[in-house]
Protein backbone atom coordinates (compact mmCIF):
# COMPACT_ATOMS: atom_id res chain seq x y z
CA UNK A 1 0.00 0.00 0.00
CA UNK A 2 1.38 3.42 -0.89
CA UNK A 3 2.44 5.50 2.10
CA UNK A 4 0.11 8.36 1.16
CA UNK A 5 -2.88 6.00 1.17
CA UNK A 6 -1.96 4.56 4.57
CA UNK A 7 -1.50 8.09 5.89
CA UNK A 8 -4.90 9.10 4.52
CA UNK A 9 -6.60 6.05 6.04
CA UNK A 10 -4.88 6.57 9.40
CA UNK A 11 -5.77 10.26 9.39
CA UNK A 12 -9.41 9.57 8.57
CA UNK A 13 -9.66 7.04 11.38
CA UNK A 14 -8.01 9.44 13.83
CA UNK A 15 -10.37 12.26 12.81
CA UNK A 16 -13.42 10.00 12.90
CA UNK A 17 -12.45 8.72 16.32
CA UNK A 18 -12.22 12.29 17.59
CA UNK A 19 -15.52 13.36 16.03
CA UNK A 20 -17.69 10.61 17.54
CA UNK A 21 -17.45 11.68 21.21
CA UNK A 22 -17.45 15.36 20.18
CA UNK A 23 -20.78 15.03 18.36
CA UNK A 24 -22.36 12.98 21.17
CA UNK A 25 -21.20 15.49 23.81
CA UNK A 26 -22.62 18.42 21.84
CA UNK A 27 -25.94 16.63 21.38
CA UNK A 28 -26.09 15.69 25.08
CA UNK A 29 -25.49 19.30 26.09
CA UNK A 30 -28.11 20.65 23.70
CA UNK A 31 -25.57 22.43 21.49
CA UNK A 32 -26.43 20.07 18.63
CA UNK A 33 -30.16 20.09 18.00
CA UNK A 34 -32.25 17.23 16.70
CA UNK A 35 -31.52 16.67 13.04
CA UNK A 36 -31.64 13.99 10.37
CA UNK A 37 -27.89 13.92 9.65
CA UNK A 38 -25.80 13.28 12.76
CA UNK A 39 -26.45 11.84 16.18
CA UNK A 40 -28.49 8.91 17.41
CA UNK A 41 -31.70 9.03 15.37
CA UNK A 42 -34.33 6.56 16.48
CA UNK A 43 -38.04 7.28 16.84
CA UNK A 44 -37.70 7.61 20.62
CA UNK A 45 -34.63 9.87 20.50
CA UNK A 46 -36.23 12.12 17.89
CA UNK A 47 -39.50 12.47 19.84
CA UNK A 48 -38.45 15.64 21.69
CA UNK A 49 -35.48 17.83 22.51
CA UNK A 50 -35.39 16.37 26.02
CA UNK A 51 -35.30 12.82 24.63
CA UNK A 52 -32.54 13.82 22.23
CA UNK A 53 -30.36 15.18 25.05
CA UNK A 54 -31.18 12.27 27.39
CA UNK A 55 -30.34 9.69 24.75
CA UNK A 56 -26.99 11.20 23.92
CA UNK A 57 -26.11 11.57 27.59
CA UNK A 58 -26.88 7.86 28.06
CA UNK A 59 -24.67 6.92 25.10
CA UNK A 60 -21.76 9.17 26.01
CA UNK A 61 -19.60 6.46 27.61
CA UNK A 62 -20.07 4.11 24.67
CA UNK A 63 -19.26 6.93 22.25
CA UNK A 64 -16.04 7.78 24.07
CA UNK A 65 -15.02 4.11 24.02
CA UNK A 66 -15.82 3.87 20.31
CA UNK A 67 -13.93 7.06 19.56
CA UNK A 68 -10.86 5.84 21.43
CA UNK A 69 -10.91 2.49 19.63
CA UNK A 70 -11.33 4.10 16.21
CA UNK A 71 -8.63 6.70 16.87
CA UNK A 72 -6.23 4.05 18.17
CA UNK A 73 -6.83 1.99 15.04
CA UNK A 74 -5.90 5.07 13.01
CA UNK A 75 -2.72 5.45 15.00
CA UNK A 76 -2.09 1.74 14.54
CA UNK A 77 -2.49 2.09 10.78
CA UNK A 78 0.11 4.86 10.74
CA UNK A 79 2.54 2.77 12.80
CA UNK A 80 1.98 -0.44 10.84
CA UNK A 81 2.41 1.42 7.54
CA UNK A 82 6.05 1.95 8.49
CA UNK A 83 6.49 -1.83 8.65
CA UNK A 84 5.17 -2.28 5.14
CA UNK A 85 2.76 -5.09 6.04
CA UNK A 86 -0.42 -4.55 4.02
CA UNK A 87 -2.20 -7.50 5.64
CA UNK A 88 -1.51 -6.27 9.17
CA UNK A 89 -2.46 -2.74 8.16
CA UNK A 90 -5.80 -3.96 6.82
CA UNK A 91 -6.43 -6.04 9.96
CA UNK A 92 -5.77 -3.06 12.23
CA UNK A 93 -7.96 -0.73 10.17
CA UNK A 94 -10.87 -3.12 9.71
CA UNK A 95 -10.64 -4.52 13.23
CA UNK A 96 -10.69 -1.07 14.81
CA UNK A 97 -13.51 0.14 12.61
CA UNK A 98 -15.64 -2.95 13.30
CA UNK A 99 -15.04 -2.81 17.06
CA UNK A 100 -15.82 0.91 17.02
CA UNK A 101 -19.04 0.26 15.11
CA UNK A 102 -20.08 -2.43 17.62
CA UNK A 103 -19.50 0.00 20.49
CA UNK A 104 -21.53 2.66 18.68
CA UNK A 105 -24.42 0.23 18.17
CA UNK A 106 -24.32 -0.68 21.86
CA UNK A 107 -24.40 3.02 22.70
CA UNK A 108 -27.34 3.59 20.38
CA UNK A 109 -29.22 0.71 22.01
CA UNK A 110 -28.51 2.22 25.43
CA UNK A 111 -29.65 5.63 24.20
CA UNK A 112 -32.85 4.26 22.74
CA UNK A 113 -33.62 2.31 25.94
CA UNK A 114 -33.04 5.44 28.05
CA UNK A 115 -35.71 7.35 26.16
CA UNK A 116 -38.41 4.69 25.90
CA UNK A 117 -41.24 4.72 28.41
CA UNK A 118 -41.12 1.89 30.96
CA UNK A 119 -43.04 -1.22 30.04
CA UNK A 120 -46.07 -2.03 32.19
């Protein structure tokens, strides 16, 4: 893999890892309003501004964990690129992205559960 491509991939993962907790924190604080583009968008989280903030506050820990994993995979890609191992580079990138996505899904499930009314 060309060095520039590995650097681009690593940089995108680092930036994406930083953006995830930033977006969730802004939504939880009310600085990012309900929208159809970014944030946790389920019927229960989109029901009201209070639900939106509550959901993102509930998912904050998961989002931070996902962001750290994704950013570390980006850093790993940059470090592995120096070794010249394309297979290891791909494993680090894909592994980090998949684990980050799993953590984000778990956070979204927690957020959705936090905003649903209790079952009778």
